[in-house]
Amino acid sequence: MRQLQVIINIELPQMLRFSVPGIINEFSSVLKATPFAYTVGIAEITKQAMSLTAITLNGLQIYTLAGVLYFIIYKVFTLLAGVFEKKYRIS
């Protein structure tokens, strides 16, 4: 086998099995502790909710929607993380 084939077929799957759970756990903590949009560099959902609340005076509905958005983002991430962990599970 060529060196690249060895890396792709043997070494990379082994590295992923050991590193993926820690990476997923760390990203999950970051996602819970800070607004997701802020971590990826786009306008923060909470800041946009504050601006909309100041304009429309519908704070309860806007903050509820922002909370639902955070929940959906987190749930999608955790479902994808679960699929990825099952694929690279150490047995």
PDB file of N, CA and C in Angstrom:
ATOM      1  N   MET A   1       0.833  -1.180   0.000  1.00  0.00           N
ATOM      2  CA  MET A   1       0.000   0.000   0.000  1.00  0.00           C
ATOM      3  C   MET A   1       0.880   1.246   0.000  1.00  0.00           C
ATOM      4  N   ARG A   2       0.378   2.255  -0.659  1.00  0.00           N
ATOM      5  CA  ARG A   2       1.089   3.520  -0.654  1.00  0.00           C
ATOM      6  C   ARG A   2       0.848   4.224   0.680  1.00  0.00           C
ATOM      7  N   GLN A   3       1.717   5.181   0.979  1.00  0.00           N
ATOM      8  CA  GLN A   3       1.638   5.880   2.259  1.00  0.00           C
ATOM      9  C   GLN A   3       0.294   6.594   2.430  1.00  0.00           C
ATOM     10  N   LEU A   4      -0.200   7.225   1.373  1.00  0.00           N
ATOM     11  CA  LEU A   4      -1.480   7.922   1.456  1.00  0.00           C
ATOM     12  C   LEU A   4      -2.628   6.956   1.722  1.00  0.00           C
ATOM     13  N   GLN A   5      -2.598   5.782   1.114  1.00  0.00           N
ATOM     14  CA  GLN A   5      -3.634   4.779   1.349  1.00  0.00           C
ATOM     15  C   GLN A   5      -3.594   4.284   2.788  1.00  0.00           C
ATOM     16  N   VAL A   6      -2.404   4.121   3.324  1.00  0.00           N
ATOM     17  CA  VAL A   6      -2.261   3.691   4.725  1.00  0.00           C
ATOM     18  C   VAL A   6      -2.867   4.741   5.651  1.00  0.00           C
ATOM     19  N   ILE A   7      -2.576   5.996   5.372  1.00  0.00           N
ATOM     20  CA  ILE A   7      -3.107   7.070   6.218  1.00  0.00           C
ATOM     21  C   ILE A   7      -4.632   7.113   6.151  1.00  0.00           C
ATOM     22  N   ILE A   8      -5.175   7.065   4.940  1.00  0.00           N
ATOM     23  CA  ILE A   8      -6.626   7.184   4.772  1.00  0.00           C
ATOM     24  C   ILE A   8      -7.369   5.961   5.285  1.00  0.00           C
ATOM     25  N   ASN A   9      -6.875   4.774   5.009  1.00  0.00           N
ATOM     26  CA  ASN A   9      -7.615   3.551   5.327  1.00  0.00           C
ATOM     27  C   ASN A   9      -7.341   2.985   6.711  1.00  0.00           C
ATOM     28  N   ILE A  10      -6.205   3.294   7.297  1.00  0.00           N
ATOM     29  CA  ILE A  10      -5.855   2.684   8.582  1.00  0.00           C
ATOM     30  C   ILE A  10      -5.713   3.728   9.683  1.00  0.00           C
ATOM     31  N   GLU A  11      -4.845   4.704   9.473  1.00  0.00           N
ATOM     32  CA  GLU A  11      -4.532   5.645  10.545  1.00  0.00           C
ATOM     33  C   GLU A  11      -5.661   6.634  10.827  1.00  0.00           C
ATOM     34  N   LEU A  12      -6.267   7.186   9.792  1.00  0.00           N
ATOM     35  CA  LEU A  12      -7.320   8.182   9.990  1.00  0.00           C
ATOM     36  C   LEU A  12      -8.526   7.631  10.755  1.00  0.00           C
ATOM     37  N   PRO A  13      -9.055   6.457  10.408  1.00  0.00           N
ATOM     38  CA  PRO A  13     -10.170   5.927  11.210  1.00  0.00           C
ATOM     39  C   PRO A  13      -9.801   5.695  12.678  1.00  0.00           C
ATOM     40  N   GLN A  14      -8.575   5.262  12.930  1.00  0.00           N
ATOM     41  CA  GLN A  14      -8.154   5.054  14.318  1.00  0.00           C
ATOM     42  C   GLN A  14      -8.052   6.384  15.062  1.00  0.00           C
ATOM     43  N   MET A  15      -7.528   7.396  14.398  1.00  0.00           N
ATOM     44  CA  MET A  15      -7.424   8.712  15.035  1.00  0.00           C
ATOM     45  C   MET A  15      -8.807   9.284  15.329  1.00  0.00           C
ATOM     46  N   LEU A  16      -9.726   9.120  14.386  1.00  0.00           N
ATOM     47  CA  LEU A  16     -11.072   9.655  14.583  1.00  0.00           C
ATOM     48  C   LEU A  16     -11.792   8.966  15.733  1.00  0.00           C
ATOM     49  N   ARG A  17     -11.593   7.683  15.889  1.00  0.00           N
ATOM     50  CA  ARG A  17     -12.267   6.958  16.977  1.00  0.00           C
ATOM     51  C   ARG A  17     -11.889   7.499  18.342  1.00  0.00           C
ATOM     52  N   PHE A  18     -10.653   7.932  18.486  1.00  0.00           N
ATOM     53  CA  PHE A  18     -10.216   8.425  19.787  1.00  0.00           C
ATOM     54  C   PHE A  18     -10.427   9.927  19.964  1.00  0.00           C
ATOM     55  N   SER A  19     -10.432  10.685  18.887  1.00  0.00           N
ATOM     56  CA  SER A  19     -10.524  12.136  19.026  1.00  0.00           C
ATOM     57  C   SER A  19     -11.943  12.685  18.925  1.00  0.00           C
ATOM     58  N   VAL A  20     -12.825  12.015  18.208  1.00  0.00           N
ATOM     59  CA  VAL A  20     -14.171  12.545  17.969  1.00  0.00           C
ATOM     60  C   VAL A  20     -14.974  12.748  19.254  1.00  0.00           C
ATOM     61  N   PRO A  21     -15.010  11.822  20.197  1.00  0.00           N
ATOM     62  CA  PRO A  21     -15.815  12.071  21.405  1.00  0.00           C
ATOM     63  C   PRO A  21     -15.395  13.327  22.166  1.00  0.00           C
ATOM     64  N   GLY A  22     -14.102  13.557  22.289  1.00  0.00           N
ATOM     65  CA  GLY A  22     -13.637  14.761  22.976  1.00  0.00           C
ATOM     66  C   GLY A  22     -13.982  16.033  22.235  1.00  0.00           C
ATOM     67  N   ILE A  23     -13.839  15.994  20.922  1.00  0.00           N
ATOM     68  CA  ILE A  23     -14.163  17.167  20.110  1.00  0.00           C
ATOM     69  C   ILE A  23     -15.654  17.476  20.200  1.00  0.00           C
ATOM     70  N   ILE A  24     -16.477  16.448  20.123  1.00  0.00           N
ATOM     71  CA  ILE A  24     -17.928  16.644  20.206  1.00  0.00           C
ATOM     72  C   ILE A  24     -18.317  17.180  21.582  1.00  0.00           C
ATOM     73  N   ASN A  25     -17.719  16.651  22.627  1.00  0.00           N
ATOM     74  CA  ASN A  25     -18.009  17.119  23.977  1.00  0.00           C
ATOM     75  C   ASN A  25     -17.613  18.583  24.142  1.00  0.00           C
ATOM     76  N   GLU A  26     -16.459  18.945  23.640  1.00  0.00           N
ATOM     77  CA  GLU A  26     -16.004  20.331  23.757  1.00  0.00           C
ATOM     78  C   GLU A  26     -16.906  21.279  22.969  1.00  0.00           C
ATOM     79  N   PHE A  27     -17.269  20.893  21.762  1.00  0.00           N
ATOM     80  CA  PHE A  27     -18.143  21.748  20.962  1.00  0.00           C
ATOM     81  C   PHE A  27     -19.517  21.873  21.607  1.00  0.00           C
ATOM     82  N   SER A  28     -19.992  20.801  22.204  1.00  0.00           N
ATOM     83  CA  SER A  28     -21.275  20.840  22.898  1.00  0.00           C
ATOM     84  C   SER A  28     -21.226  21.817  24.074  1.00  0.00           C
ATOM     85  N   SER A  29     -20.134  21.818  24.810  1.00  0.00           N
ATOM     86  CA  SER A  29     -19.981  22.754  25.926  1.00  0.00           C
ATOM     87  C   SER A  29     -19.940  24.193  25.439  1.00  0.00           C
ATOM     88  N   VAL A  30     -19.224  24.424  24.355  1.00  0.00           N
ATOM     89  CA  VAL A  30     -19.156  25.772  23.791  1.00  0.00           C
ATOM     90  C   VAL A  30     -20.532  26.214  23.327  1.00  0.00           C
ATOM     91  N   LEU A  31     -21.254  25.303  22.714  1.00  0.00           N
ATOM     92  CA  LEU A  31     -22.588  25.623  22.210  1.00  0.00           C
ATOM     93  C   LEU A  31     -23.541  25.968  23.345  1.00  0.00           C
ATOM     94  N   LYS A  32     -23.417  25.281  24.469  1.00  0.00           N
ATOM     95  CA  LYS A  32     -24.286  25.565  25.609  1.00  0.00           C
ATOM     96  C   LYS A  32     -23.886  26.857  26.313  1.00  0.00           C
ATOM     97  N   ALA A  33     -22.588  27.121  26.407  1.00  0.00           N
ATOM     98  CA  ALA A  33     -22.105  28.246  27.201  1.00  0.00           C
ATOM     99  C   ALA A  33     -22.187  29.584  26.476  1.00  0.00           C
ATOM    100  N   THR A  34     -22.049  29.583  25.173  1.00  0.00           N
ATOM    101  CA  THR A  34     -22.064  30.837  24.424  1.00  0.00           C
ATOM    102  C   THR A  34     -23.059  30.734  23.282  1.00  0.00           C
ATOM    103  N   PRO A  35     -23.558  31.839  22.824  1.00  0.00           N
ATOM    104  CA  PRO A  35     -24.455  31.799  21.672  1.00  0.00           C
ATOM    105  C   PRO A  35     -23.749  31.206  20.457  1.00  0.00           C
ATOM    106  N   PHE A  36     -24.405  30.294  19.795  1.00  0.00           N
ATOM    107  CA  PHE A  36     -23.806  29.575  18.666  1.00  0.00           C
ATOM    108  C   PHE A  36     -23.400  30.521  17.546  1.00  0.00           C
ATOM    109  N   ALA A  37     -24.237  31.450  17.211  1.00  0.00           N
ATOM    110  CA  ALA A  37     -23.937  32.346  16.097  1.00  0.00           C
ATOM    111  C   ALA A  37     -22.684  33.165  16.369  1.00  0.00           C
ATOM    112  N   TYR A  38     -22.454  33.522  17.620  1.00  0.00           N
ATOM    113  CA  TYR A  38     -21.264  34.292  17.962  1.00  0.00           C
ATOM    114  C   TYR A  38     -20.008  33.465  17.740  1.00  0.00           C
ATOM    115  N   THR A  39     -20.063  32.163  18.020  1.00  0.00           N
ATOM    116  CA  THR A  39     -18.876  31.319  17.876  1.00  0.00           C
ATOM    117  C   THR A  39     -18.498  31.110  16.424  1.00  0.00           C
ATOM    118  N   VAL A  40     -19.422  31.210  15.500  1.00  0.00           N
ATOM    119  CA  VAL A  40     -19.089  31.033  14.092  1.00  0.00           C
ATOM    120  C   VAL A  40     -18.908  32.364  13.379  1.00  0.00           C
ATOM    121  N   GLY A  41     -19.025  33.469  14.097  1.00  0.00           N
ATOM    122  CA  GLY A  41     -18.676  34.762  13.541  1.00  0.00           C
ATOM    123  C   GLY A  41     -19.775  35.516  12.813  1.00  0.00           C
ATOM    124  N   ILE A  42     -21.010  35.132  12.971  1.00  0.00           N
ATOM    125  CA  ILE A  42     -22.091  35.903  12.363  1.00  0.00           C
ATOM    126  C   ILE A  42     -22.852  36.631  13.459  1.00  0.00           C
ATOM    127  N   ALA A  43     -23.781  37.447  13.062  1.00  0.00           N
ATOM    128  CA  ALA A  43     -24.525  38.241  14.041  1.00  0.00           C
ATOM    129  C   ALA A  43     -25.189  37.339  15.075  1.00  0.00           C
ATOM    130  N   GLU A  44     -25.049  37.695  16.308  1.00  0.00           N
ATOM    131  CA  GLU A  44     -25.554  36.885  17.411  1.00  0.00           C
ATOM    132  C   GLU A  44     -27.081  36.908  17.459  1.00  0.00           C
ATOM    133  N   ILE A  45     -27.663  35.740  17.668  1.00  0.00           N
ATOM    134  CA  ILE A  45     -29.122  35.619  17.699  1.00  0.00           C
ATOM    135  C   ILE A  45     -29.710  36.455  18.837  1.00  0.00           C
ATOM    136  N   THR A  46     -29.073  36.422  19.982  1.00  0.00           N
ATOM    137  CA  THR A  46     -29.587  37.168  21.126  1.00  0.00           C
ATOM    138  C   THR A  46     -29.546  38.671  20.869  1.00  0.00           C
ATOM    139  N   LYS A  47     -28.476  39.145  20.252  1.00  0.00           N
ATOM    140  CA  LYS A  47     -28.379  40.574  19.946  1.00  0.00           C
ATOM    141  C   LYS A  47     -29.467  40.990  18.960  1.00  0.00           C
ATOM    142  N   GLN A  48     -29.718  40.145  17.981  1.00  0.00           N
ATOM    143  CA  GLN A  48     -30.785  40.446  17.028  1.00  0.00           C
ATOM    144  C   GLN A  48     -32.148  40.448  17.725  1.00  0.00           C
ATOM    145  N   ALA A  49     -32.320  39.528  18.665  1.00  0.00           N
ATOM    146  CA  ALA A  49     -33.578  39.490  19.420  1.00  0.00           C
ATOM    147  C   ALA A  49     -33.753  40.767  20.237  1.00  0.00           C
ATOM    148  N   MET A  50     -32.670  41.254  20.823  1.00  0.00           N
ATOM    149  CA  MET A  50     -32.744  42.504  21.584  1.00  0.00           C
ATOM    150  C   MET A  50     -33.129  43.673  20.680  1.00  0.00           C
ATOM    151  N   SER A  51     -32.543  43.724  19.501  1.00  0.00           N
ATOM    152  CA  SER A  51     -32.867  44.805  18.561  1.00  0.00           C
ATOM    153  C   SER A  51     -34.329  44.742  18.134  1.00  0.00           C
ATOM    154  N   LEU A  52     -34.801  43.541  17.824  1.00  0.00           N
ATOM    155  CA  LEU A  52     -36.204  43.386  17.427  1.00  0.00           C
ATOM    156  C   LEU A  52     -37.154  43.740  18.565  1.00  0.00           C
ATOM    157  N   THR A  53     -36.775  43.389  19.781  1.00  0.00           N
ATOM    158  CA  THR A  53     -37.613  43.709  20.936  1.00  0.00           C
ATOM    159  C   THR A  53     -37.723  45.219  21.115  1.00  0.00           C
ATOM    160  N   ALA A  54     -36.626  45.926  20.920  1.00  0.00           N
ATOM    161  CA  ALA A  54     -36.648  47.382  21.056  1.00  0.00           C
ATOM    162  C   ALA A  54     -37.538  48.026  20.000  1.00  0.00           C
ATOM    163  N   ILE A  55     -37.574  47.431  18.818  1.00  0.00           N
ATOM    164  CA  ILE A  55     -38.371  48.004  17.731  1.00  0.00           C
ATOM    165  C   ILE A  55     -39.847  47.639  17.861  1.00  0.00           C
ATOM    166  N   THR A  56     -40.128  46.355  18.127  1.00  0.00           N
ATOM    167  CA  THR A  56     -41.512  45.874  18.077  1.00  0.00           C
ATOM    168  C   THR A  56     -42.204  45.797  19.427  1.00  0.00           C
ATOM    169  N   LEU A  57     -41.456  45.809  20.511  1.00  0.00           N
ATOM    170  CA  LEU A  57     -41.993  45.684  21.869  1.00  0.00           C
ATOM    171  C   LEU A  57     -42.721  44.355  22.095  1.00  0.00           C
ATOM    172  N   ASN A  58     -42.334  43.321  21.371  1.00  0.00           N
ATOM    173  CA  ASN A  58     -42.878  41.970  21.562  1.00  0.00           C
ATOM    174  C   ASN A  58     -41.788  41.064  22.123  1.00  0.00           C
ATOM    175  N   GLY A  59     -41.281  41.417  23.275  1.00  0.00           N
ATOM    176  CA  GLY A  59     -40.137  40.714  23.840  1.00  0.00           C
ATOM    177  C   GLY A  59     -40.367  39.241  24.108  1.00  0.00           C
ATOM    178  N   LEU A  60     -41.512  38.900  24.665  1.00  0.00           N
ATOM    179  CA  LEU A  60     -41.771  37.504  25.014  1.00  0.00           C
ATOM    180  C   LEU A  60     -41.735  36.602  23.785  1.00  0.00           C
ATOM    181  N   GLN A  61     -42.407  37.004  22.737  1.00  0.00           N
ATOM    182  CA  GLN A  61     -42.444  36.184  21.524  1.00  0.00           C
ATOM    183  C   GLN A  61     -41.064  36.091  20.871  1.00  0.00           C
ATOM    184  N   ILE A  62     -40.352  37.200  20.830  1.00  0.00           N
ATOM    185  CA  ILE A  62     -39.046  37.211  20.165  1.00  0.00           C
ATOM    186  C   ILE A  62     -38.037  36.379  20.940  1.00  0.00           C
ATOM    187  N   TYR A  63     -37.988  36.536  22.265  1.00  0.00           N
ATOM    188  CA  TYR A  63     -37.036  35.752  23.052  1.00  0.00           C
ATOM    189  C   TYR A  63     -37.407  34.273  23.076  1.00  0.00           C
ATOM    190  N   THR A  64     -38.695  33.978  23.033  1.00  0.00           N
ATOM    191  CA  THR A  64     -39.114  32.577  22.931  1.00  0.00           C
ATOM    192  C   THR A  64     -38.640  31.974  21.620  1.00  0.00           C
ATOM    193  N   LEU A  65     -38.798  32.706  20.540  1.00  0.00           N
ATOM    194  CA  LEU A  65     -38.327  32.236  19.241  1.00  0.00           C
ATOM    195  C   LEU A  65     -36.810  32.068  19.227  1.00  0.00           C
ATOM    196  N   ALA A  66     -36.083  32.995  19.843  1.00  0.00           N
ATOM    197  CA  ALA A  66     -34.626  32.868  19.917  1.00  0.00           C
ATOM    198  C   ALA A  66     -34.239  31.617  20.702  1.00  0.00           C
ATOM    199  N   GLY A  67     -34.941  31.356  21.798  1.00  0.00           N
ATOM    200  CA  GLY A  67     -34.677  30.144  22.570  1.00  0.00           C
ATOM    201  C   GLY A  67     -34.959  28.882  21.778  1.00  0.00           C
ATOM    202  N   VAL A  68     -36.041  28.896  21.022  1.00  0.00           N
ATOM    203  CA  VAL A  68     -36.377  27.744  20.177  1.00  0.00           C
ATOM    204  C   VAL A  68     -35.304  27.541  19.107  1.00  0.00           C
ATOM    205  N   LEU A  69     -34.806  28.633  18.531  1.00  0.00           N
ATOM    206  CA  LEU A  69     -33.732  28.518  17.535  1.00  0.00           C
ATOM    207  C   LEU A  69     -32.484  27.884  18.135  1.00  0.00           C
ATOM    208  N   TYR A  70     -32.086  28.339  19.328  1.00  0.00           N
ATOM    209  CA  TYR A  70     -30.929  27.736  19.998  1.00  0.00           C
ATOM    210  C   TYR A  70     -31.168  26.250  20.262  1.00  0.00           C
ATOM    211  N   PHE A  71     -32.363  25.918  20.704  1.00  0.00           N
ATOM    212  CA  PHE A  71     -32.687  24.520  20.988  1.00  0.00           C
ATOM    213  C   PHE A  71     -32.603  23.678  19.724  1.00  0.00           C
ATOM    214  N   ILE A  72     -33.136  24.173  18.609  1.00  0.00           N
ATOM    215  CA  ILE A  72     -33.087  23.430  17.346  1.00  0.00           C
ATOM    216  C   ILE A  72     -31.645  23.240  16.887  1.00  0.00           C
ATOM    217  N   ILE A  73     -30.843  24.294  16.969  1.00  0.00           N
ATOM    218  CA  ILE A  73     -29.432  24.187  16.572  1.00  0.00           C
ATOM    219  C   ILE A  73     -28.735  23.132  17.417  1.00  0.00           C
ATOM    220  N   TYR A  74     -28.961  23.167  18.731  1.00  0.00           N
ATOM    221  CA  TYR A  74     -28.306  22.216  19.623  1.00  0.00           C
ATOM    222  C   TYR A  74     -28.784  20.789  19.363  1.00  0.00           C
ATOM    223  N   LYS A  75     -30.077  20.600  19.151  1.00  0.00           N
ATOM    224  CA  LYS A  75     -30.610  19.252  18.911  1.00  0.00           C
ATOM    225  C   LYS A  75     -30.081  18.664  17.613  1.00  0.00           C
ATOM    226  N   VAL A  76     -30.051  19.466  16.553  1.00  0.00           N
ATOM    227  CA  VAL A  76     -29.511  18.981  15.279  1.00  0.00           C
ATOM    228  C   VAL A  76     -28.052  18.577  15.454  1.00  0.00           C
ATOM    229  N   PHE A  77     -27.291  19.407  16.159  1.00  0.00           N
ATOM    230  CA  PHE A  77     -25.890  19.082  16.398  1.00  0.00           C
ATOM    231  C   PHE A  77     -25.739  17.789  17.191  1.00  0.00           C
ATOM    232  N   THR A  78     -26.512  17.617  18.251  1.00  0.00           N
ATOM    233  CA  THR A  78     -26.367  16.408  19.062  1.00  0.00           C
ATOM    234  C   THR A  78     -26.799  15.159  18.301  1.00  0.00           C
ATOM    235  N   LEU A  79     -27.813  15.275  17.448  1.00  0.00           N
ATOM    236  CA  LEU A  79     -28.211  14.119  16.635  1.00  0.00           C
ATOM    237  C   LEU A  79     -27.108  13.739  15.650  1.00  0.00           C
ATOM    238  N   LEU A  80     -26.527  14.726  14.999  1.00  0.00           N
ATOM    239  CA  LEU A  80     -25.422  14.448  14.074  1.00  0.00           C
ATOM    240  C   LEU A  80     -24.209  13.892  14.818  1.00  0.00           C
ATOM    241  N   ALA A  81     -23.953  14.412  16.003  1.00  0.00           N
ATOM    242  CA  ALA A  81     -22.839  13.910  16.798  1.00  0.00           C
ATOM    243  C   ALA A  81     -23.070  12.456  17.192  1.00  0.00           C
ATOM    244  N   GLY A  82     -24.300  12.102  17.534  1.00  0.00           N
ATOM    245  CA  GLY A  82     -24.611  10.720  17.875  1.00  0.00           C
ATOM    246  C   GLY A  82     -24.396   9.777  16.713  1.00  0.00           C
ATOM    247  N   VAL A  83     -24.804  10.202  15.525  1.00  0.00           N
ATOM    248  CA  VAL A  83     -24.582   9.380  14.326  1.00  0.00           C
ATOM    249  C   VAL A  83     -23.092   9.203  14.077  1.00  0.00           C
ATOM    250  N   PHE A  84     -22.350  10.287  14.220  1.00  0.00           N
ATOM    251  CA  PHE A  84     -20.907  10.234  13.987  1.00  0.00           C
ATOM    252  C   PHE A  84     -20.220   9.345  15.015  1.00  0.00           C
ATOM    253  N   GLU A  85     -20.642   9.428  16.274  1.00  0.00           N
ATOM    254  CA  GLU A  85     -20.044   8.589  17.315  1.00  0.00           C
ATOM    255  C   GLU A  85     -20.350   7.115  17.084  1.00  0.00           C
ATOM    256  N   LYS A  86     -21.559   6.798  16.636  1.00  0.00           N
ATOM    257  CA  LYS A  86     -21.888   5.399  16.353  1.00  0.00           C
ATOM    258  C   LYS A  86     -21.025   4.850  15.231  1.00  0.00           C
ATOM    259  N   LYS A  87     -20.757   5.687  14.248  1.00  0.00           N
ATOM    260  CA  LYS A  87     -19.947   5.249  13.111  1.00  0.00           C
ATOM    261  C   LYS A  87     -18.520   4.940  13.537  1.00  0.00           C
ATOM    262  N   TYR A  88     -17.969   5.741  14.440  1.00  0.00           N
ATOM    263  CA  TYR A  88     -16.581   5.568  14.855  1.00  0.00           C
ATOM    264  C   TYR A  88     -16.456   5.016  16.270  1.00  0.00           C
ATOM    265  N   ARG A  89     -17.441   4.262  16.718  1.00  0.00           N
ATOM    266  CA  ARG A  89     -17.427   3.694  18.059  1.00  0.00           C
ATOM    267  C   ARG A  89     -16.254   2.731  18.236  1.00  0.00           C
ATOM    268  N   ILE A  90     -15.628   2.803  19.400  1.00  0.00           N
ATOM    269  CA  ILE A  90     -14.560   1.863  19.741  1.00  0.00           C
ATOM    270  C   ILE A  90     -15.213   0.610  20.288  1.00  0.00           C
ATOM    271  N   SER A  91     -14.951  -0.523  19.643  1.00  0.00           N
ATOM    272  CA  SER A  91     -15.582  -1.757  20.109  1.00  0.00           C
ATOM    273  C   SER A  91     -14.580  -2.741  20.634  1.00  0.00           C
TER     274      SER A  91
END
